[in-house]
C-alpha atoms as a PDB file:
ATOM      1  CA  MET A   1       0.000   0.000   0.000  1.00  0.00           C
ATOM      2  CA  LYS A   2       1.287   3.454  -0.918  1.00  0.00           C
ATOM      3  CA  THR A   3       2.105   6.038   1.723  1.00  0.00           C
ATOM      4  CA  PRO A   4      -0.055   9.204   1.643  1.00  0.00           C
ATOM      5  CA  ILE A   5       2.862  11.218   0.170  1.00  0.00           C
ATOM      6  CA  ALA A   6       3.427   8.577  -2.534  1.00  0.00           C
ATOM      7  CA  SER A   7      -0.307   8.620  -3.409  1.00  0.00           C
ATOM      8  CA  ILE A   8      -0.315  12.428  -3.604  1.00  0.00           C
ATOM      9  CA  ARG A   9       2.863  12.442  -5.698  1.00  0.00           C
ATOM     10  CA  ALA A  10       1.403   9.856  -8.093  1.00  0.00           C
ATOM     11  CA  LEU A  11      -1.824  11.843  -8.488  1.00  0.00           C
ATOM     12  CA  LEU A  12       0.024  15.124  -9.096  1.00  0.00           C
ATOM     13  CA  GLN A  13       2.336  13.533 -11.654  1.00  0.00           C
ATOM     14  CA  SER A  14      -0.542  11.817 -13.489  1.00  0.00           C
ATOM     15  CA  GLN A  15      -2.524  14.993 -14.140  1.00  0.00           C
ATOM     16  CA  SER A  16      -1.763  18.035 -16.287  1.00  0.00           C
ATOM     17  CA  THR A  17      -4.005  20.867 -15.088  1.00  0.00           C
ATOM     18  CA  LEU A  18      -4.226  22.583 -11.726  1.00  0.00           C
ATOM     19  CA  VAL A  19      -6.705  25.190 -10.543  1.00  0.00           C
ATOM     20  CA  LEU A  20      -4.894  28.102  -8.917  1.00  0.00           C
ATOM     21  CA  ALA A  21      -6.873  30.305  -6.525  1.00  0.00           C
ATOM     22  CA  THR A  22      -5.534  33.766  -5.750  1.00  0.00           C
ATOM     23  CA  ALA A  23      -6.980  36.844  -4.070  1.00  0.00           C
ATOM     24  CA  GLY A  24      -7.531  40.096  -5.907  1.00  0.00           C
ATOM     25  CA  GLU A  25      -6.977  43.545  -4.445  1.00  0.00           C
ATOM     26  CA  ASP A  26     -10.713  43.634  -3.801  1.00  0.00           C
ATOM     27  CA  GLY A  27     -10.385  40.524  -1.613  1.00  0.00           C
ATOM     28  CA  LEU A  28     -12.351  38.352  -4.030  1.00  0.00           C
ATOM     29  CA  ALA A  29     -11.034  34.916  -4.934  1.00  0.00           C
ATOM     30  CA  ARG A  30     -10.094  34.227  -8.543  1.00  0.00           C
ATOM     31  CA  SER A  31      -9.363  30.796  -9.995  1.00  0.00           C
ATOM     32  CA  THR A  32      -7.301  29.934 -13.051  1.00  0.00           C
ATOM     33  CA  PRO A  33      -6.652  26.571 -14.746  1.00  0.00           C
ATOM     34  CA  LEU A  34      -2.989  26.096 -15.699  1.00  0.00           C
ATOM     35  CA  PHE A  35      -0.820  23.322 -17.163  1.00  0.00           C
ATOM     36  CA  TYR A  36       1.837  22.315 -14.631  1.00  0.00           C
ATOM     37  CA  LEU A  37       4.656  19.940 -13.775  1.00  0.00           C
ATOM     38  CA  ALA A  38       5.055  18.344 -10.340  1.00  0.00           C
ATOM     39  CA  ASP A  39       8.339  17.272  -8.781  1.00  0.00           C
ATOM     40  CA  ASP A  40       8.964  14.565  -6.185  1.00  0.00           C
ATOM     41  CA  ALA A  41       8.756  17.123  -3.352  1.00  0.00           C
ATOM     42  CA  LEU A  42       5.151  17.996  -4.423  1.00  0.00           C
ATOM     43  CA  ARG A  43       6.207  21.410  -5.767  1.00  0.00           C
ATOM     44  CA  LEU A  44       4.201  22.541  -8.795  1.00  0.00           C
ATOM     45  CA  TYR A  45       5.607  24.585 -11.687  1.00  0.00           C
ATOM     46  CA  TRP A  46       3.885  26.552 -14.455  1.00  0.00           C
ATOM     47  CA  PHE A  47       4.702  29.278 -16.950  1.00  0.00           C
ATOM     48  CA  SER A  48       2.747  32.483 -17.195  1.00  0.00           C
ATOM     49  CA  SER A  49       3.034  36.074 -18.255  1.00  0.00           C
ATOM     50  CA  ARG A  50       3.844  38.448 -15.401  1.00  0.00           C
ATOM     51  CA  SER A  51       1.038  40.656 -16.769  1.00  0.00           C
ATOM     52  CA  SER A  52      -1.707  38.024 -16.301  1.00  0.00           C
ATOM     53  CA  LEU A  53      -4.182  38.723 -13.503  1.00  0.00           C
ATOM     54  CA  HIS A  54      -3.196  35.662 -11.433  1.00  0.00           C
ATOM     55  CA  SER A  55       0.509  36.571 -11.754  1.00  0.00           C
ATOM     56  CA  LYS A  56      -0.206  40.099 -10.544  1.00  0.00           C
ATOM     57  CA  HIS A  57      -2.117  38.625  -7.601  1.00  0.00           C
ATOM     58  CA  CYS A  58       0.850  36.343  -6.780  1.00  0.00           C
ATOM     59  CA  ALA A  59       3.270  39.287  -6.920  1.00  0.00           C
ATOM     60  CA  ARG A  60       1.094  41.164  -4.430  1.00  0.00           C
ATOM     61  CA  ASN A  61       0.334  38.171  -2.189  1.00  0.00           C
ATOM     62  CA  PRO A  62       2.279  34.915  -2.695  1.00  0.00           C
ATOM     63  CA  GLU A  63      -0.129  32.886  -0.541  1.00  0.00           C
ATOM     64  CA  ALA A  64      -2.462  30.791  -2.702  1.00  0.00           C
ATOM     65  CA  THR A  65      -4.383  27.553  -2.922  1.00  0.00           C
ATOM     66  CA  VAL A  66      -4.307  24.878  -5.596  1.00  0.00           C
ATOM     67  CA  ALA A  67      -6.598  21.991  -6.494  1.00  0.00           C
ATOM     68  CA  VAL A  68      -5.730  19.033  -8.712  1.00  0.00           C
ATOM     69  CA  PHE A  69      -8.142  16.181  -9.353  1.00  0.00           C
ATOM     70  CA  ILE A  70      -8.870  13.297 -11.665  1.00  0.00           C
ATOM     71  CA  PRO A  71     -11.899  14.133 -13.844  1.00  0.00           C
ATOM     72  CA  THR A  72     -14.894  11.893 -13.140  1.00  0.00           C
ATOM     73  CA  SER A  73     -18.673  11.894 -13.356  1.00  0.00           C
ATOM     74  CA  ALA A  74     -19.216   9.530 -10.395  1.00  0.00           C
ATOM     75  CA  TRP A  75     -18.871  10.707  -6.792  1.00  0.00           C
ATOM     76  CA  GLN A  76     -17.392   7.335  -5.823  1.00  0.00           C
ATOM     77  CA  ASN A  77     -14.380   8.061  -8.055  1.00  0.00           C
ATOM     78  CA  ILE A  78     -13.539  11.541  -6.779  1.00  0.00           C
ATOM     79  CA  GLU A  79      -9.809  11.674  -6.086  1.00  0.00           C
ATOM     80  CA  GLY A  80      -7.818  14.859  -5.734  1.00  0.00           C
ATOM     81  CA  VAL A  81      -5.767  17.216  -3.630  1.00  0.00           C
ATOM     82  CA  GLN A  82      -6.311  20.653  -2.170  1.00  0.00           C
ATOM     83  CA  MET A  83      -3.182  22.530  -1.161  1.00  0.00           C
ATOM     84  CA  GLN A  84      -2.245  25.781   0.534  1.00  0.00           C
ATOM     85  CA  GLY A  85       1.181  27.286   0.065  1.00  0.00           C
ATOM     86  CA  ARG A  86       3.397  30.012  -1.359  1.00  0.00           C
ATOM     87  CA  ILE A  87       4.284  30.980  -4.890  1.00  0.00           C
ATOM     88  CA  SER A  88       7.602  32.345  -6.091  1.00  0.00           C
ATOM     89  CA  ILE A  89       9.345  32.880  -9.403  1.00  0.00           C
ATOM     90  CA  VAL A  90      12.132  30.427 -10.222  1.00  0.00           C
ATOM     91  CA  LYS A  91      15.323  32.407 -10.796  1.00  0.00           C
ATOM     92  CA  ASP A  92      17.896  29.611 -10.925  1.00  0.00           C
ATOM     93  CA  ARG A  93      18.852  29.363 -14.628  1.00  0.00           C
ATOM     94  CA  ALA A  94      19.777  25.663 -14.643  1.00  0.00           C
ATOM     95  CA  ARG A  95      16.572  24.688 -12.863  1.00  0.00           C
ATOM     96  CA  ARG A  96      14.534  26.838 -15.236  1.00  0.00           C
ATOM     97  CA  GLN A  97      16.184  25.309 -18.334  1.00  0.00           C
ATOM     98  CA  SER A  98      15.498  21.818 -17.027  1.00  0.00           C
ATOM     99  CA  ILE A  99      11.834  22.625 -16.387  1.00  0.00           C
ATOM    100  CA  VAL A 100      11.435  24.320 -19.804  1.00  0.00           C
ATOM    101  CA  ARG A 101      12.732  21.140 -21.448  1.00  0.00           C
ATOM    102  CA  ASP A 102      10.538  18.807 -19.347  1.00  0.00           C
ATOM    103  CA  TYR A 103       7.449  21.017 -19.750  1.00  0.00           C
ATOM    104  CA  ALA A 104       7.842  21.293 -23.550  1.00  0.00           C
ATOM    105  CA  GLU A 105       8.346  17.539 -23.792  1.00  0.00           C
ATOM    106  CA  ARG A 106       5.433  16.595 -21.538  1.00  0.00           C
ATOM    107  CA  PHE A 107       2.958  18.848 -23.318  1.00  0.00           C
ATOM    108  CA  GLN A 108       4.443  18.168 -26.774  1.00  0.00           C
ATOM    109  CA  LEU A 109       5.110  21.810 -27.487  1.00  0.00           C
ATOM    110  CA  GLY A 110       7.046  22.682 -30.581  1.00  0.00           C
ATOM    111  CA  ASN A 111      10.041  24.987 -30.833  1.00  0.00           C
ATOM    112  CA  LEU A 112       7.808  28.006 -31.411  1.00  0.00           C
ATOM    113  CA  PHE A 113       6.022  27.479 -28.086  1.00  0.00           C
ATOM    114  CA  THR A 114       9.351  26.832 -26.359  1.00  0.00           C
ATOM    115  CA  LEU A 115      10.325  30.393 -27.331  1.00  0.00           C
ATOM    116  CA  ALA A 116       7.125  31.648 -25.653  1.00  0.00           C
ATOM    117  CA  LEU A 117       8.055  29.701 -22.506  1.00  0.00           C
ATOM    118  CA  ARG A 118      11.450  31.374 -22.440  1.00  0.00           C
ATOM    119  CA  ARG A 119       9.727  34.771 -22.416  1.00  0.00           C
ATOM    120  CA  SER A 120       7.351  33.761 -19.610  1.00  0.00           C
ATOM    121  CA  ALA A 121       7.980  33.698 -15.887  1.00  0.00           C
ATOM    122  CA  LEU A 122       8.335  30.271 -14.295  1.00  0.00           C
ATOM    123  CA  TYR A 123       6.288  30.014 -11.111  1.00  0.00           C
ATOM    124  CA  CYS A 124       6.748  27.496  -8.305  1.00  0.00           C
ATOM    125  CA  PHE A 125       4.064  26.596  -5.771  1.00  0.00           C
ATOM    126  CA  VAL A 126       5.438  25.089  -2.553  1.00  0.00           C
ATOM    127  CA  PRO A 127       2.667  23.464  -0.505  1.00  0.00           C
ATOM    128  CA  ALA A 128       2.603  23.840   3.271  1.00  0.00           C
ATOM    129  CA  TRP A 129      -0.685  21.962   3.770  1.00  0.00           C
ATOM    130  CA  VAL A 130      -2.250  19.203   1.678  1.00  0.00           C
ATOM    131  CA  ARG A 131      -5.630  17.481   1.855  1.00  0.00           C
ATOM    132  CA  TYR A 132      -5.883  14.275  -0.190  1.00  0.00           C
ATOM    133  CA  LEU A 133      -9.434  13.111  -0.966  1.00  0.00           C
ATOM    134  CA  HIS A 134     -10.231   9.615  -2.183  1.00  0.00           C
ATOM    135  CA  ASN A 135     -13.924   8.677  -2.263  1.00  0.00           C
ATOM    136  CA  SER A 136     -13.333   5.159  -3.627  1.00  0.00           C
ATOM    137  CA  ARG A 137     -12.306   4.126  -0.120  1.00  0.00           C
ATOM    138  CA  HIS A 138     -15.441   5.652   1.405  1.00  0.00           C
ATOM    139  CA  PHE A 139     -17.374   8.899   1.028  1.00  0.00           C
ATOM    140  CA  GLY A 140     -15.336  11.828   2.337  1.00  0.00           C
ATOM    141  CA  ASP A 141     -12.145   9.812   2.927  1.00  0.00           C
ATOM    142  CA  LYS A 142      -9.326  12.326   3.390  1.00  0.00           C
ATOM    143  CA  ILE A 143      -5.838  12.717   4.770  1.00  0.00           C
ATOM    144  CA  GLU A 144      -4.411  16.088   5.800  1.00  0.00           C
ATOM    145  CA  LEU A 145      -0.689  16.771   6.012  1.00  0.00           C
ATOM    146  CA  ARG A 146       1.470  19.706   7.071  1.00  0.00           C
ATOM    147  CA  LEU A 147       4.685  19.804   5.069  1.00  0.00           C
ATOM    148  CA  PRO A 148       8.065  21.230   6.109  1.00  0.00           C
ATOM    149  CA  GLU A 149       9.033  24.553   4.547  1.00  0.00           C
ATOM    150  CA  SER A 150      11.208  24.413   1.472  1.00  0.00           C
ATOM    151  CA  ASN A 151      12.969  27.414  -0.027  1.00  0.00           C
ATOM    152  CA  GLU A 152      14.395  25.542  -2.996  1.00  0.00           C
ATOM    153  CA  ASN A 153      13.660  27.196  -6.339  1.00  0.00           C
END
């Protein structure tokens, strides 16, 4: 049987789209679907323009929430994660190049789109709290975890 972290890691690495929730200056929540990559430490990475609304929100307040789930039409099959954490921009050039390569490969982006990625900011979400839901075990089955802080970008 998988550990909770291994189950969360497997779910994050099997999906392609997260829902990012940020807060606007007016205090209202905004949500945005984004393609992402997940690493073994449960950090999530995506590319976005610094001028997009969610990027502006992250610059003002790096605290955010994320949801990732497996699409289903049956409640018994709901499986997903909710996470709270902090967002930062990846500045390490080697790490960024590695993620550009992996991201372009995973989403089968051509060279033209790779150029767009190079012009975009690379964001990293580091979760501090995770709730893993898995209704196939029983309705409302969940595990909540607090994760140690990580400053690696």
